[in-house]
PDB file of N, CA and C in Angstrom:
ATOM      1  N   UNK A   1     137.883  62.477 133.772  1.00  0.00           N
ATOM      2  CA  UNK A   1     138.257  61.118 133.461  1.00  0.00           C
ATOM      3  C   UNK A   1     139.744  61.104 133.108  1.00  0.00           C
ATOM      4  N   UNK A   2     140.516  60.264 133.773  1.00  0.00           N
ATOM      5  CA  UNK A   2     141.947  60.203 133.505  1.00  0.00           C
ATOM      6  C   UNK A   2     142.223  59.398 132.247  1.00  0.00           C
ATOM      7  N   UNK A   3     143.451  59.521 131.769  1.00  0.00           N
ATOM      8  CA  UNK A   3     143.841  58.785 130.565  1.00  0.00           C
ATOM      9  C   UNK A   3     143.731  57.276 130.788  1.00  0.00           C
ATOM     10  N   UNK A   4     144.146  56.806 131.970  1.00  0.00           N
ATOM     11  CA  UNK A   4     144.069  55.374 132.274  1.00  0.00           C
ATOM     12  C   UNK A   4     142.621  54.899 132.291  1.00  0.00           C
ATOM     13  N   UNK A   5     141.733  55.721 132.860  1.00  0.00           N
ATOM     14  CA  UNK A   5     140.315  55.362 132.892  1.00  0.00           C
ATOM     15  C   UNK A   5     139.746  55.315 131.487  1.00  0.00           C
ATOM     16  N   UNK A   6     140.110  56.293 130.658  1.00  0.00           N
ATOM     17  CA  UNK A   6     139.640  56.324 129.275  1.00  0.00           C
ATOM     18  C   UNK A   6     140.150  55.113 128.516  1.00  0.00           C
ATOM     19  N   UNK A   7     141.429  54.788 128.699  1.00  0.00           N
ATOM     20  CA  UNK A   7     142.004  53.624 128.026  1.00  0.00           C
ATOM     21  C   UNK A   7     141.306  52.351 128.473  1.00  0.00           C
ATOM     22  N   UNK A   8     141.060  52.220 129.765  1.00  0.00           N
ATOM     23  CA  UNK A   8     140.373  51.037 130.281  1.00  0.00           C
ATOM     24  C   UNK A   8     138.969  50.923 129.704  1.00  0.00           C
ATOM     25  N   UNK A   9     138.266  52.040 129.615  1.00  0.00           N
ATOM     26  CA  UNK A   9     136.912  52.025 129.055  1.00  0.00           C
ATOM     27  C   UNK A   9     136.945  51.613 127.590  1.00  0.00           C
ATOM     28  N   UNK A  10     137.908  52.142 126.843  1.00  0.00           N
ATOM     29  CA  UNK A  10     138.026  51.795 125.419  1.00  0.00           C
ATOM     30  C   UNK A  10     138.353  50.320 125.245  1.00  0.00           C
ATOM     31  N   UNK A  11     139.280  49.809 126.054  1.00  0.00           N
ATOM     32  CA  UNK A  11     139.629  48.396 125.964  1.00  0.00           C
ATOM     33  C   UNK A  11     138.445  47.523 126.358  1.00  0.00           C
ATOM     34  N   UNK A  12     137.694  47.951 127.365  1.00  0.00           N
ATOM     35  CA  UNK A  12     136.511  47.198 127.766  1.00  0.00           C
ATOM     36  C   UNK A  12     135.485  47.136 126.650  1.00  0.00           C
ATOM     37  N   UNK A  13     135.264  48.263 125.977  1.00  0.00           N
ATOM     38  CA  UNK A  13     134.334  48.286 124.849  1.00  0.00           C
ATOM     39  C   UNK A  13     134.844  47.420 123.710  1.00  0.00           C
ATOM     40  N   UNK A  14     136.150  47.496 123.427  1.00  0.00           N
ATOM     41  CA  UNK A  14     136.731  46.681 122.363  1.00  0.00           C
ATOM     42  C   UNK A  14     136.588  45.201 122.688  1.00  0.00           C
ATOM     43  N   UNK A  15     136.804  44.848 123.944  1.00  0.00           N
ATOM     44  CA  UNK A  15     136.688  43.453 124.349  1.00  0.00           C
ATOM     45  C   UNK A  15     135.259  42.956 124.173  1.00  0.00           C
ATOM     46  N   UNK A  16     134.284  43.764 124.562  1.00  0.00           N
ATOM     47  CA  UNK A  16     132.880  43.372 124.405  1.00  0.00           C
ATOM     48  C   UNK A  16     132.530  43.195 122.941  1.00  0.00           C
ATOM     49  N   UNK A  17     132.987  44.124 122.109  1.00  0.00           N
ATOM     50  CA  UNK A  17     132.717  44.046 120.676  1.00  0.00           C
ATOM     51  C   UNK A  17     133.384  42.821 120.070  1.00  0.00           C
ATOM     52  N   UNK A  18     134.630  42.571 120.454  1.00  0.00           N
ATOM     53  CA  UNK A  18     135.353  41.419 119.925  1.00  0.00           C
ATOM     54  C   UNK A  18     134.685  40.122 120.347  1.00  0.00           C
ATOM     55  N   UNK A  19     134.258  40.057 121.585  1.00  0.00           N
ATOM     56  CA  UNK A  19     133.611  38.838 122.061  1.00  0.00           C
ATOM     57  C   UNK A  19     132.309  38.593 121.306  1.00  0.00           C
ATOM     58  N   UNK A  20     131.502  39.631 121.138  1.00  0.00           N
ATOM     59  CA  UNK A  20     130.236  39.491 120.417  1.00  0.00           C
ATOM     60  C   UNK A  20     130.483  39.107 118.962  1.00  0.00           C
ATOM     61  N   UNK A  21     131.478  39.735 118.342  1.00  0.00           N
ATOM     62  CA  UNK A  21     131.811  39.413 116.957  1.00  0.00           C
ATOM     63  C   UNK A  21     132.291  37.978 116.853  1.00  0.00           C
ATOM     64  N   UNK A  22     133.121  37.573 117.797  1.00  0.00           N
ATOM     65  CA  UNK A  22     133.607  36.198 117.801  1.00  0.00           C
ATOM     66  C   UNK A  22     132.479  35.194 117.935  1.00  0.00           C
ATOM     67  N   UNK A  23     131.527  35.480 118.806  1.00  0.00           N
ATOM     68  CA  UNK A  23     130.388  34.578 118.979  1.00  0.00           C
ATOM     69  C   UNK A  23     129.557  34.499 117.705  1.00  0.00           C
ATOM     70  N   UNK A  24     129.360  35.643 117.045  1.00  0.00           N
ATOM     71  CA  UNK A  24     128.583  35.665 115.807  1.00  0.00           C
ATOM     72  C   UNK A  24     129.284  34.872 114.712  1.00  0.00           C
ATOM     73  N   UNK A  25     130.576  35.126 114.538  1.00  0.00           N
ATOM     74  CA  UNK A  25     131.318  34.434 113.481  1.00  0.00           C
ATOM     75  C   UNK A  25     131.354  32.936 113.757  1.00  0.00           C
ATOM     76  N   UNK A  26     131.542  32.558 115.015  1.00  0.00           N
ATOM     77  CA  UNK A  26     131.538  31.141 115.361  1.00  0.00           C
ATOM     78  C   UNK A  26     130.178  30.527 115.031  1.00  0.00           C
ATOM     79  N   UNK A  27     129.097  31.244 115.321  1.00  0.00           N
ATOM     80  CA  UNK A  27     127.748  30.740 115.032  1.00  0.00           C
ATOM     81  C   UNK A  27     127.530  30.571 113.532  1.00  0.00           C
ATOM     82  N   UNK A  28     128.015  31.528 112.734  1.00  0.00           N
ATOM     83  CA  UNK A  28     127.882  31.412 111.275  1.00  0.00           C
ATOM     84  C   UNK A  28     128.677  30.205 110.780  1.00  0.00           C
ATOM     85  N   UNK A  29     129.880  30.015 111.327  1.00  0.00           N
ATOM     86  CA  UNK A  29     130.675  28.842 110.954  1.00  0.00           C
ATOM     87  C   UNK A  29     129.968  27.550 111.315  1.00  0.00           C
ATOM     88  N   UNK A  30     129.341  27.523 112.471  1.00  0.00           N
ATOM     89  CA  UNK A  30     128.593  26.338 112.892  1.00  0.00           C
ATOM     90  C   UNK A  30     127.393  26.099 111.982  1.00  0.00           C
ATOM     91  N   UNK A  31     126.752  27.181 111.537  1.00  0.00           N
ATOM     92  CA  UNK A  31     125.630  27.056 110.613  1.00  0.00           C
ATOM     93  C   UNK A  31     126.079  26.427 109.298  1.00  0.00           C
ATOM     94  N   UNK A  32     127.230  26.870 108.798  1.00  0.00           N
ATOM     95  CA  UNK A  32     127.780  26.260 107.587  1.00  0.00           C
ATOM     96  C   UNK A  32     128.036  24.768 107.804  1.00  0.00           C
ATOM     97  N   UNK A  33     128.568  24.415 108.956  1.00  0.00           N
ATOM     98  CA  UNK A  33     128.847  23.009 109.235  1.00  0.00           C
ATOM     99  C   UNK A  33     127.558  22.200 109.286  1.00  0.00           C
ATOM    100  N   UNK A  34     126.523  22.744 109.918  1.00  0.00           N
ATOM    101  CA  UNK A  34     125.230  22.042 109.970  1.00  0.00           C
ATOM    102  C   UNK A  34     124.643  21.877 108.576  1.00  0.00           C
ATOM    103  N   UNK A  35     124.795  22.906 107.741  1.00  0.00           N
ATOM    104  CA  UNK A  35     124.312  22.830 106.364  1.00  0.00           C
ATOM    105  C   UNK A  35     125.018  21.698 105.630  1.00  0.00           C
ATOM    106  N   UNK A  36     126.303  21.600 105.813  1.00  0.00           N
ATOM    107  CA  UNK A  36     127.080  20.535 105.180  1.00  0.00           C
ATOM    108  C   UNK A  36     126.657  19.171 105.710  1.00  0.00           C
ATOM    109  N   UNK A  37     126.498  19.072 107.028  1.00  0.00           N
ATOM    110  CA  UNK A  37     126.125  17.795 107.644  1.00  0.00           C
ATOM    111  C   UNK A  37     124.728  17.342 107.245  1.00  0.00           C
ATOM    112  N   UNK A  38     123.826  18.290 106.993  1.00  0.00           N
ATOM    113  CA  UNK A  38     122.449  17.924 106.654  1.00  0.00           C
ATOM    114  C   UNK A  38     122.320  17.434 105.218  1.00  0.00           C
ATOM    115  N   UNK A  39     123.277  17.791 104.371  1.00  0.00           N
ATOM    116  CA  UNK A  39     123.227  17.358 102.978  1.00  0.00           C
ATOM    117  C   UNK A  39     122.196  18.103 102.157  1.00  0.00           C
ATOM    118  N   UNK A  40     121.680  19.235 102.650  1.00  0.00           N
ATOM    119  CA  UNK A  40     120.646  19.982 101.943  1.00  0.00           C
ATOM    120  C   UNK A  40     121.189  21.107 101.079  1.00  0.00           C
ATOM    121  N   UNK A  41     122.512  21.159 100.860  1.00  0.00           N
ATOM    122  CA  UNK A  41     123.031  22.256 100.056  1.00  0.00           C
ATOM    123  C   UNK A  41     122.465  22.160  98.639  1.00  0.00           C
ATOM    124  N   UNK A  42     122.181  23.285  98.064  1.00  0.00           N
ATOM    125  CA  UNK A  42     121.514  23.366  96.766  1.00  0.00           C
ATOM    126  C   UNK A  42     122.501  23.411  95.610  1.00  0.00           C
ATOM    127  N   UNK A  43     123.738  23.126  95.851  1.00  0.00           N
ATOM    128  CA  UNK A  43     124.716  23.178  94.781  1.00  0.00           C
ATOM    129  C   UNK A  43     125.302  24.556  94.569  1.00  0.00           C
ATOM    130  N   UNK A  44     124.938  25.517  95.426  1.00  0.00           N
ATOM    131  CA  UNK A  44     125.484  26.866  95.307  1.00  0.00           C
ATOM    132  C   UNK A  44     126.977  26.822  95.594  1.00  0.00           C
ATOM    133  N   UNK A  45     127.345  26.145  96.640  1.00  0.00           N
ATOM    134  CA  UNK A  45     128.747  25.944  96.995  1.00  0.00           C
ATOM    135  C   UNK A  45     129.002  24.446  97.099  1.00  0.00           C
ATOM    136  N   UNK A  46     130.200  24.054  96.742  1.00  0.00           N
ATOM    137  CA  UNK A  46     130.537  22.638  96.880  1.00  0.00           C
ATOM    138  C   UNK A  46     130.681  22.305  98.362  1.00  0.00           C
ATOM    139  N   UNK A  47     130.466  21.047  98.713  1.00  0.00           N
ATOM    140  CA  UNK A  47     130.611  20.664 100.121  1.00  0.00           C
ATOM    141  C   UNK A  47     131.984  21.001 100.697  1.00  0.00           C
ATOM    142  N   UNK A  48     133.032  20.876  99.907  1.00  0.00           N
ATOM    143  CA  UNK A  48     134.365  21.194 100.430  1.00  0.00           C
ATOM    144  C   UNK A  48     134.508  22.689 100.694  1.00  0.00           C
ATOM    145  N   UNK A  49     133.872  23.522  99.866  1.00  0.00           N
ATOM    146  CA  UNK A  49     133.914  24.969 100.101  1.00  0.00           C
ATOM    147  C   UNK A  49     133.137  25.328 101.358  1.00  0.00           C
ATOM    148  N   UNK A  50     131.980  24.722 101.533  1.00  0.00           N
ATOM    149  CA  UNK A  50     131.177  24.982 102.731  1.00  0.00           C
ATOM    150  C   UNK A  50     131.955  24.555 103.974  1.00  0.00           C
ATOM    151  N   UNK A  51     132.586  23.389 103.902  1.00  0.00           N
ATOM    152  CA  UNK A  51     133.363  22.900 105.042  1.00  0.00           C
ATOM    153  C   UNK A  51     134.525  23.839 105.342  1.00  0.00           C
ATOM    154  N   UNK A  52     135.211  24.307 104.308  1.00  0.00           N
ATOM    155  CA  UNK A  52     136.348  25.212 104.500  1.00  0.00           C
ATOM    156  C   UNK A  52     135.939  26.540 105.096  1.00  0.00           C
ATOM    157  N   UNK A  53     134.870  27.119 104.564  1.00  0.00           N
ATOM    158  CA  UNK A  53     134.386  28.404 105.079  1.00  0.00           C
ATOM    159  C   UNK A  53     133.907  28.248 106.522  1.00  0.00           C
ATOM    160  N   UNK A  54     133.163  27.197 106.784  1.00  0.00           N
ATOM    161  CA  UNK A  54     132.670  26.965 108.142  1.00  0.00           C
ATOM    162  C   UNK A  54     133.798  26.787 109.134  1.00  0.00           C
ATOM    163  N   UNK A  55     134.796  26.002 108.754  1.00  0.00           N
ATOM    164  CA  UNK A  55     135.936  25.776 109.650  1.00  0.00           C
ATOM    165  C   UNK A  55     136.708  27.075 109.880  1.00  0.00           C
ATOM    166  N   UNK A  56     136.938  27.821 108.819  1.00  0.00           N
ATOM    167  CA  UNK A  56     137.655  29.095 108.943  1.00  0.00           C
ATOM    168  C   UNK A  56     136.923  30.087 109.823  1.00  0.00           C
ATOM    169  N   UNK A  57     135.618  30.183 109.653  1.00  0.00           N
ATOM    170  CA  UNK A  57     134.830  31.106 110.471  1.00  0.00           C
ATOM    171  C   UNK A  57     134.859  30.713 111.942  1.00  0.00           C
ATOM    172  N   UNK A  58     134.784  29.425 112.210  1.00  0.00           N
ATOM    173  CA  UNK A  58     134.836  28.988 113.611  1.00  0.00           C
ATOM    174  C   UNK A  58     136.195  29.311 114.229  1.00  0.00           C
ATOM    175  N   UNK A  59     137.271  29.128 113.464  1.00  0.00           N
ATOM    176  CA  UNK A  59     138.605  29.465 113.982  1.00  0.00           C
ATOM    177  C   UNK A  59     138.728  30.958 114.279  1.00  0.00           C
ATOM    178  N   UNK A  60     138.238  31.789 113.360  1.00  0.00           N
ATOM    179  CA  UNK A  60     138.286  33.242 113.569  1.00  0.00           C
ATOM    180  C   UNK A  60     137.438  33.622 114.779  1.00  0.00           C
ATOM    181  N   UNK A  61     136.269  33.019 114.901  1.00  0.00           N
ATOM    182  CA  UNK A  61     135.392  33.311 116.034  1.00  0.00           C
ATOM    183  C   UNK A  61     136.030  32.970 117.363  1.00  0.00           C
ATOM    184  N   UNK A  62     136.668  31.811 117.435  1.00  0.00           N
ATOM    185  CA  UNK A  62     137.340  31.408 118.676  1.00  0.00           C
ATOM    186  C   UNK A  62     138.476  32.370 118.990  1.00  0.00           C
ATOM    187  N   UNK A  63     139.242  32.758 117.970  1.00  0.00           N
ATOM    188  CA  UNK A  63     140.376  33.667 118.195  1.00  0.00           C
ATOM    189  C   UNK A  63     139.889  35.025 118.715  1.00  0.00           C
ATOM    190  N   UNK A  64     138.820  35.544 118.135  1.00  0.00           N
ATOM    191  CA  UNK A  64     138.277  36.819 118.603  1.00  0.00           C
ATOM    192  C   UNK A  64     137.819  36.727 120.055  1.00  0.00           C
ATOM    193  N   UNK A  65     137.191  35.622 120.405  1.00  0.00           N
ATOM    194  CA  UNK A  65     136.739  35.459 121.784  1.00  0.00           C
ATOM    195  C   UNK A  65     137.926  35.366 122.744  1.00  0.00           C
ATOM    196  N   UNK A  66     139.003  34.686 122.326  1.00  0.00           N
ATOM    197  CA  UNK A  66     140.204  34.602 123.162  1.00  0.00           C
ATOM    198  C   UNK A  66     140.847  35.973 123.316  1.00  0.00           C
ATOM    199  N   UNK A  67     140.916  36.738 122.216  1.00  0.00           N
ATOM    200  CA  UNK A  67     141.476  38.086 122.287  1.00  0.00           C
ATOM    201  C   UNK A  67     140.649  38.966 123.217  1.00  0.00           C
ATOM    202  N   UNK A  68     139.327  38.789 123.183  1.00  0.00           N
ATOM    203  CA  UNK A  68     138.453  39.571 124.059  1.00  0.00           C
ATOM    204  C   UNK A  68     138.769  39.270 125.521  1.00  0.00           C
ATOM    205  N   UNK A  69     139.006  37.996 125.835  1.00  0.00           N
ATOM    206  CA  UNK A  69     139.357  37.635 127.212  1.00  0.00           C
ATOM    207  C   UNK A  69     140.669  38.298 127.620  1.00  0.00           C
ATOM    208  N   UNK A  70     141.638  38.336 126.697  1.00  0.00           N
ATOM    209  CA  UNK A  70     142.932  38.976 126.971  1.00  0.00           C
ATOM    210  C   UNK A  70     142.736  40.463 127.264  1.00  0.00           C
ATOM    211  N   UNK A  71     141.926  41.138 126.443  1.00  0.00           N
ATOM    212  CA  UNK A  71     141.686  42.562 126.662  1.00  0.00           C
ATOM    213  C   UNK A  71     140.959  42.808 127.975  1.00  0.00           C
ATOM    214  N   UNK A  72     140.015  41.944 128.323  1.00  0.00           N
ATOM    215  CA  UNK A  72     139.312  42.109 129.599  1.00  0.00           C
ATOM    216  C   UNK A  72     140.276  41.959 130.773  1.00  0.00           C
ATOM    217  N   UNK A  73     141.198  41.002 130.682  1.00  0.00           N
ATOM    218  CA  UNK A  73     142.197  40.844 131.740  1.00  0.00           C
ATOM    219  C   UNK A  73     143.050  42.100 131.849  1.00  0.00           C
ATOM    220  N   UNK A  74     143.396  42.686 130.702  1.00  0.00           N
ATOM    221  CA  UNK A  74     144.214  43.902 130.709  1.00  0.00           C
ATOM    222  C   UNK A  74     143.448  45.059 131.342  1.00  0.00           C
ATOM    223  N   UNK A  75     142.175  45.176 131.017  1.00  0.00           N
ATOM    224  CA  UNK A  75     141.350  46.239 131.594  1.00  0.00           C
ATOM    225  C   UNK A  75     141.281  46.081 133.103  1.00  0.00           C
ATOM    226  N   UNK A  76     141.076  44.853 133.559  1.00  0.00           N
ATOM    227  CA  UNK A  76     140.976  44.614 134.996  1.00  0.00           C
ATOM    228  C   UNK A  76     142.292  44.919 135.697  1.00  0.00           C
ATOM    229  N   UNK A  77     143.420  44.580 135.078  1.00  0.00           N
ATOM    230  CA  UNK A  77     144.711  44.863 135.715  1.00  0.00           C
ATOM    231  C   UNK A  77     145.017  46.355 135.691  1.00  0.00           C
ATOM    232  N   UNK A  78     144.573  47.075 134.637  1.00  0.00           N
ATOM    233  CA  UNK A  78     144.764  48.528 134.579  1.00  0.00           C
ATOM    234  C   UNK A  78     143.916  49.242 135.623  1.00  0.00           C
ATOM    235  N   UNK A  79     142.786  48.660 135.984  1.00  0.00           N
ATOM    236  CA  UNK A  79     141.877  49.304 136.931  1.00  0.00           C
ATOM    237  C   UNK A  79     142.401  49.221 138.363  1.00  0.00           C
ATOM    238  N   UNK A  80     143.254  48.242 138.639  1.00  0.00           N
ATOM    239  CA  UNK A  80     143.798  48.087 139.991  1.00  0.00           C
ATOM    240  C   UNK A  80     144.935  49.084 140.192  1.00  0.00           C
ATOM    241  N   UNK A  81     144.914  49.835 141.281  1.00  0.00           N
ATOM    242  CA  UNK A  81     146.026  50.758 141.529  1.00  0.00           C
ATOM    243  C   UNK A  81     147.286  49.968 141.858  1.00  0.00           C
ATOM    244  N   UNK A  82     148.398  50.434 141.354  1.00  0.00           N
ATOM    245  CA  UNK A  82     149.653  49.737 141.641  1.00  0.00           C
ATOM    246  C   UNK A  82     150.062  50.000 143.084  1.00  0.00           C
ATOM    247  N   UNK A  83     150.803  49.088 143.654  1.00  0.00           N
ATOM    248  CA  UNK A  83     151.259  49.219 145.039  1.00  0.00           C
ATOM    249  C   UNK A  83     152.157  50.429 145.197  1.00  0.00           C
ATOM    250  N   UNK A  84     153.014  50.664 144.203  1.00  0.00           N
ATOM    251  CA  UNK A  84     153.936  51.794 144.285  1.00  0.00           C
ATOM    252  C   UNK A  84     153.170  53.113 144.311  1.00  0.00           C
ATOM    253  N   UNK A  85     152.159  53.256 143.465  1.00  0.00           N
ATOM    254  CA  UNK A  85     151.362  54.485 143.462  1.00  0.00           C
ATOM    255  C   UNK A  85     150.634  54.666 144.789  1.00  0.00           C
ATOM    256  N   UNK A  86     150.098  53.581 145.318  1.00  0.00           N
ATOM    257  CA  UNK A  86     149.384  53.668 146.591  1.00  0.00           C
ATOM    258  C   UNK A  86     150.333  54.083 147.710  1.00  0.00           C
ATOM    259  N   UNK A  87     151.541  53.530 147.711  1.00  0.00           N
ATOM    260  CA  UNK A  87     152.514  53.888 148.743  1.00  0.00           C
ATOM    261  C   UNK A  87     152.931  55.348 148.629  1.00  0.00           C
ATOM    262  N   UNK A  88     153.131  55.836 147.405  1.00  0.00           N
ATOM    263  CA  UNK A  88     153.532  57.240 147.241  1.00  0.00           C
ATOM    264  C   UNK A  88     152.406  58.181 147.655  1.00  0.00           C
ATOM    265  N   UNK A  89     151.149  57.777 147.437  1.00  0.00           N
ATOM    266  CA  UNK A  89     150.020  58.597 147.870  1.00  0.00           C
ATOM    267  C   UNK A  89     149.952  58.649 149.395  1.00  0.00           C
ATOM    268  N   UNK A  90     150.256  57.533 150.052  1.00  0.00           N
ATOM    269  CA  UNK A  90     150.247  57.502 151.519  1.00  0.00           C
ATOM    270  C   UNK A  90     151.344  58.400 152.069  1.00  0.00           C
ATOM    271  N   UNK A  91     152.539  58.329 151.479  1.00  0.00           N
ATOM    272  CA  UNK A  91     153.650  59.181 151.914  1.00  0.00           C
ATOM    273  C   UNK A  91     153.291  60.643 151.712  1.00  0.00           C
ATOM    274  N   UNK A  92     152.704  60.980 150.559  1.00  0.00           N
ATOM    275  CA  UNK A  92     152.301  62.366 150.292  1.00  0.00           C
ATOM    276  C   UNK A  92     151.275  62.842 151.308  1.00  0.00           C
ATOM    277  N   UNK A  93     150.338  61.979 151.656  1.00  0.00           N
ATOM    278  CA  UNK A  93     149.311  62.344 152.633  1.00  0.00           C
ATOM    279  C   UNK A  93     149.932  62.559 154.007  1.00  0.00           C
ATOM    280  N   UNK A  94     150.879  61.719 154.382  1.00  0.00           N
ATOM    281  CA  UNK A  94     151.553  61.872 155.680  1.00  0.00           C
ATOM    282  C   UNK A  94     152.345  63.168 155.737  1.00  0.00           C
ATOM    283  N   UNK A  95     153.012  63.524 154.649  1.00  0.00           N
ATOM    284  CA  UNK A  95     153.778  64.770 154.601  1.00  0.00           C
ATOM    285  C   UNK A  95     152.838  65.956 154.725  1.00  0.00           C
ATOM    286  N   UNK A  96     151.706  65.901 154.036  1.00  0.00           N
ATOM    287  CA  UNK A  96     150.745  67.007 154.073  1.00  0.00           C
ATOM    288  C   UNK A  96     150.175  67.178 155.479  1.00  0.00           C
ATOM    289  N   UNK A  97     149.930  66.069 156.166  1.00  0.00           N
ATOM    290  CA  UNK A  97     149.375  66.130 157.513  1.00  0.00           C
ATOM    291  C   UNK A  97     150.398  66.680 158.492  1.00  0.00           C
ATOM    292  N   UNK A  98     151.668  66.312 158.349  1.00  0.00           N
ATOM    293  CA  UNK A  98     152.686  66.753 159.297  1.00  0.00           C
ATOM    294  C   UNK A  98     153.092  68.204 159.083  1.00  0.00           C
ATOM    295  N   UNK A  99     152.810  68.777 157.919  1.00  0.00           N
ATOM    296  CA  UNK A  99     153.200  70.174 157.639  1.00  0.00           C
ATOM    297  C   UNK A  99     152.236  71.113 158.220  1.00  0.00           C
TER     298      UNK A  99
END
């Protein structure tokens, strides 16, 4: 396994983890918002605290999901061979054949 392949695999795993974490945090934030909207809070937290925590969690969740998309794009671009490398491999192959 080459270093680029290892890096791509690590970034892919990080992206999957970040996306899943983002979805979970967003869901928890949404749950807080539903709790606030339902009016069933038991007085454990004030409505403004519930609203603040819910909003903050949703923002963090969205950011993690966006970062995951960025990492996935990077992994996909790292997986594509560059044109320059492909051209140098073709030249090397032609030299080897002609020798």
